[in-house]
C-alpha atoms as a PDB file:
ATOM      1  CA  MET A   1       1.662 -50.273  70.439  1.00  0.00           C
ATOM      2  CA  ILE A   2       4.143 -52.487  68.548  1.00  0.00           C
ATOM      3  CA  GLU A   3       6.425 -52.412  71.577  1.00  0.00           C
ATOM      4  CA  GLN A   4       3.564 -53.663  73.765  1.00  0.00           C
ATOM      5  CA  ILE A   5       2.838 -56.522  71.356  1.00  0.00           C
ATOM      6  CA  THR A   6       6.550 -57.397  71.408  1.00  0.00           C
ATOM      7  CA  PHE A   7       6.550 -57.529  75.213  1.00  0.00           C
ATOM      8  CA  LEU A   8       3.479 -59.768  75.234  1.00  0.00           C
ATOM      9  CA  MET A   9       4.990 -62.053  72.590  1.00  0.00           C
ATOM     10  CA  TYR A  10       8.076 -62.286  74.774  1.00  0.00           C
ATOM     11  CA  ALA A  11       5.874 -63.393  77.684  1.00  0.00           C
ATOM     12  CA  ARG A  12       4.436 -66.157  75.543  1.00  0.00           C
ATOM     13  CA  LEU A  13       7.841 -67.240  74.236  1.00  0.00           C
ATOM     14  CA  LEU A  14       9.251 -67.389  77.761  1.00  0.00           C
ATOM     15  CA  ASP A  15       6.468 -69.737  78.754  1.00  0.00           C
ATOM     16  CA  ILE A  16       6.798 -71.855  75.587  1.00  0.00           C
ATOM     17  CA  ASN A  17      10.486 -72.337  76.234  1.00  0.00           C
ATOM     18  CA  GLU A  18       9.956 -73.037  79.925  1.00  0.00           C
ATOM     19  CA  ALA A  19       7.447 -75.759  78.999  1.00  0.00           C
ATOM     20  CA  ARG A  20       9.863 -77.253  76.437  1.00  0.00           C
ATOM     21  CA  ASP A  21      12.635 -77.342  79.020  1.00  0.00           C
ATOM     22  CA  GLU A  22      10.312 -78.884  81.612  1.00  0.00           C
ATOM     23  CA  ASN A  23       9.367 -81.629  79.159  1.00  0.00           C
ATOM     24  CA  ARG A  24      13.012 -82.203  78.230  1.00  0.00           C
ATOM     25  CA  GLN A  25      13.891 -82.461  81.922  1.00  0.00           C
ATOM     26  CA  LYS A  26      11.148 -85.048  82.451  1.00  0.00           C
ATOM     27  CA  ARG A  27      12.519 -87.126  79.562  1.00  0.00           C
ATOM     28  CA  THR A  28      16.241 -86.790  80.261  1.00  0.00           C
ATOM     29  CA  GLY A  29      16.506 -85.798  83.915  1.00  0.00           C
ATOM     30  CA  LYS A  30      18.803 -82.953  82.859  1.00  0.00           C
ATOM     31  CA  PRO A  31      18.220 -79.800  84.948  1.00  0.00           C
ATOM     32  CA  PHE A  32      17.804 -76.375  83.367  1.00  0.00           C
ATOM     33  CA  GLN A  33      17.838 -72.759  84.467  1.00  0.00           C
ATOM     34  CA  ARG A  34      14.231 -71.856  85.241  1.00  0.00           C
ATOM     35  CA  ARG A  35      12.718 -68.641  83.968  1.00  0.00           C
ATOM     36  CA  PHE A  36       9.930 -68.838  86.570  1.00  0.00           C
ATOM     37  CA  LYS A  37      10.521 -69.887  90.161  1.00  0.00           C
ATOM     38  CA  GLU A  38       8.001 -72.052  91.981  1.00  0.00           C
ATOM     39  CA  ASP A  39       6.308 -68.972  93.488  1.00  0.00           C
ATOM     40  CA  GLU A  40       6.210 -67.207  90.084  1.00  0.00           C
ATOM     41  CA  GLN A  41       4.101 -69.718  88.168  1.00  0.00           C
ATOM     42  CA  GLN A  42       1.161 -67.292  87.998  1.00  0.00           C
ATOM     43  CA  LEU A  43       3.380 -65.030  85.845  1.00  0.00           C
ATOM     44  CA  ARG A  44       3.494 -67.578  83.048  1.00  0.00           C
ATOM     45  CA  TRP A  45       1.528 -66.931  79.863  1.00  0.00           C
ATOM     46  CA  SER A  46      -0.215 -70.281  80.179  1.00  0.00           C
ATOM     47  CA  GLN A  47      -1.548 -69.181  83.561  1.00  0.00           C
ATOM     48  CA  PHE A  48      -2.500 -65.525  83.149  1.00  0.00           C
ATOM     49  CA  ARG A  49      -4.036 -65.859  79.671  1.00  0.00           C
ATOM     50  CA  HIS A  50      -7.036 -67.585  81.249  1.00  0.00           C
ATOM     51  CA  LEU A  51      -7.766 -64.760  83.691  1.00  0.00           C
ATOM     52  CA  GLY A  52     -10.599 -62.312  83.287  1.00  0.00           C
ATOM     53  CA  SER A  53      -9.750 -58.780  82.257  1.00  0.00           C
ATOM     54  CA  ASP A  54     -10.027 -57.294  85.762  1.00  0.00           C
ATOM     55  CA  GLN A  55      -7.529 -59.833  87.119  1.00  0.00           C
ATOM     56  CA  MET A  56      -5.239 -59.950  84.092  1.00  0.00           C
ATOM     57  CA  LEU A  57      -4.445 -56.243  83.825  1.00  0.00           C
ATOM     58  CA  PRO A  58      -3.035 -55.717  87.343  1.00  0.00           C
ATOM     59  CA  LEU A  59      -1.123 -59.017  87.240  1.00  0.00           C
ATOM     60  CA  VAL A  60       0.519 -58.287  83.901  1.00  0.00           C
ATOM     61  CA  ARG A  61       1.187 -54.635  84.735  1.00  0.00           C
ATOM     62  CA  ASP A  62       2.384 -55.084  88.326  1.00  0.00           C
ATOM     63  CA  LYS A  63       3.981 -58.552  88.287  1.00  0.00           C
ATOM     64  CA  VAL A  64       4.722 -59.872  84.780  1.00  0.00           C
ATOM     65  CA  PHE A  65       6.392 -56.752  83.394  1.00  0.00           C
ATOM     66  CA  PRO A  66       8.592 -56.274  86.486  1.00  0.00           C
ATOM     67  CA  HIS A  67       9.535 -59.957  86.095  1.00  0.00           C
ATOM     68  CA  PHE A  68      10.811 -59.151  82.582  1.00  0.00           C
ATOM     69  CA  ARG A  69      13.054 -56.436  83.960  1.00  0.00           C
ATOM     70  CA  SER A  70      14.494 -58.688  86.642  1.00  0.00           C
ATOM     71  CA  THR A  71      15.146 -61.810  84.541  1.00  0.00           C
ATOM     72  CA  VAL A  72      16.821 -60.650  81.350  1.00  0.00           C
ATOM     73  CA  ALA A  73      20.565 -61.136  81.073  1.00  0.00           C
ATOM     74  CA  SER A  74      22.404 -57.862  81.364  1.00  0.00           C
ATOM     75  CA  GLY A  75      24.868 -56.562  78.852  1.00  0.00           C
ATOM     76  CA  ASN A  76      23.058 -57.375  75.620  1.00  0.00           C
ATOM     77  CA  ALA A  77      20.768 -55.357  73.378  1.00  0.00           C
ATOM     78  CA  PHE A  78      17.669 -57.272  74.439  1.00  0.00           C
ATOM     79  CA  ALA A  79      18.371 -56.607  78.112  1.00  0.00           C
ATOM     80  CA  GLU A  80      18.711 -52.928  77.266  1.00  0.00           C
ATOM     81  CA  PHE A  81      15.339 -53.044  75.469  1.00  0.00           C
ATOM     82  CA  MET A  82      13.614 -54.829  78.359  1.00  0.00           C
ATOM     83  CA  LYS A  83      15.076 -52.849  81.251  1.00  0.00           C
ATOM     84  CA  ASP A  84      12.304 -50.245  81.067  1.00  0.00           C
ATOM     85  CA  ALA A  85       9.485 -52.599  80.059  1.00  0.00           C
ATOM     86  CA  GLN A  86       6.124 -51.455  81.320  1.00  0.00           C
ATOM     87  CA  LEU A  87       2.586 -52.179  80.292  1.00  0.00           C
ATOM     88  CA  MET A  88       1.060 -49.159  78.615  1.00  0.00           C
ATOM     89  CA  ILE A  89      -2.251 -50.842  77.787  1.00  0.00           C
ATOM     90  CA  GLN A  90      -4.710 -49.310  80.228  1.00  0.00           C
ATOM     91  CA  LYS A  91      -7.987 -50.945  79.188  1.00  0.00           C
ATOM     92  CA  PRO A  92      -8.486 -54.450  80.608  1.00  0.00           C
ATOM     93  CA  GLY A  93     -10.561 -55.562  77.619  1.00  0.00           C
ATOM     94  CA  LEU A  94      -7.889 -54.425  75.171  1.00  0.00           C
ATOM     95  CA  LEU A  95      -5.239 -56.440  77.022  1.00  0.00           C
ATOM     96  CA  VAL A  96      -7.399 -59.581  76.882  1.00  0.00           C
ATOM     97  CA  LYS A  97      -7.960 -59.032  73.160  1.00  0.00           C
ATOM     98  CA  ALA A  98      -4.222 -58.590  72.543  1.00  0.00           C
ATOM     99  CA  VAL A  99      -3.401 -61.711  74.594  1.00  0.00           C
ATOM    100  CA  ASN A 100      -5.982 -63.750  72.670  1.00  0.00           C
ATOM    101  CA  LEU A 101      -4.639 -62.559  69.316  1.00  0.00           C
ATOM    102  CA  ILE A 102      -1.035 -63.297  70.302  1.00  0.00           C
ATOM    103  CA  HIS A 103      -2.044 -66.718  71.559  1.00  0.00           C
ATOM    104  CA  GLU A 104      -3.289 -67.546  68.043  1.00  0.00           C
ATOM    105  CA  LEU A 105       0.123 -66.793  66.476  1.00  0.00           C
ATOM    106  CA  PRO A 106       1.952 -69.971  65.387  1.00  0.00           C
ATOM    107  CA  LEU A 107       4.929 -69.435  67.682  1.00  0.00           C
ATOM    108  CA  THR A 108       5.335 -73.133  68.419  1.00  0.00           C
ATOM    109  CA  GLU A 109       5.636 -74.138  64.760  1.00  0.00           C
ATOM    110  CA  GLY A 110       8.861 -75.590  63.365  1.00  0.00           C
ATOM    111  CA  ASP A 111       9.998 -72.279  61.856  1.00  0.00           C
ATOM    112  CA  THR A 112      10.211 -70.634  65.257  1.00  0.00           C
ATOM    113  CA  LYS A 113      13.625 -71.038  66.820  1.00  0.00           C
ATOM    114  CA  GLU A 114      13.841 -71.549  70.564  1.00  0.00           C
ATOM    115  CA  MET A 115      14.977 -68.515  72.510  1.00  0.00           C
ATOM    116  CA  SER A 116      18.381 -68.882  74.047  1.00  0.00           C
ATOM    117  CA  THR A 117      18.363 -69.188  77.816  1.00  0.00           C
ATOM    118  CA  ASN A 118      20.941 -66.403  77.777  1.00  0.00           C
ATOM    119  CA  THR A 119      18.205 -63.912  76.906  1.00  0.00           C
ATOM    120  CA  CYS A 120      15.708 -65.109  79.461  1.00  0.00           C
END
């Protein structure tokens, strides 16, 4: 179960960092390497966390987790960890509960360091 929480926290951190980079780009005009393409916006934490349980489970299982496997940089320990990522939570209500709990974690506070774009 800890592995599943880690994967879901990673989904949130990806979205947090994407939003930070988007805001920085708006301010500075400096481009950045996107973690989510235009047609992948529904895979972002900020999008799927609002879905009902019957919609969230298949999206996270069939789209978000495969996105993890395809976007991590190869050759590092994190990429090795993520290469077989799959959602093992089978109950839609349990996934919603986990997402809600993770959303309450203070991951945007000053103590949290931004993830390097090399790991995304």
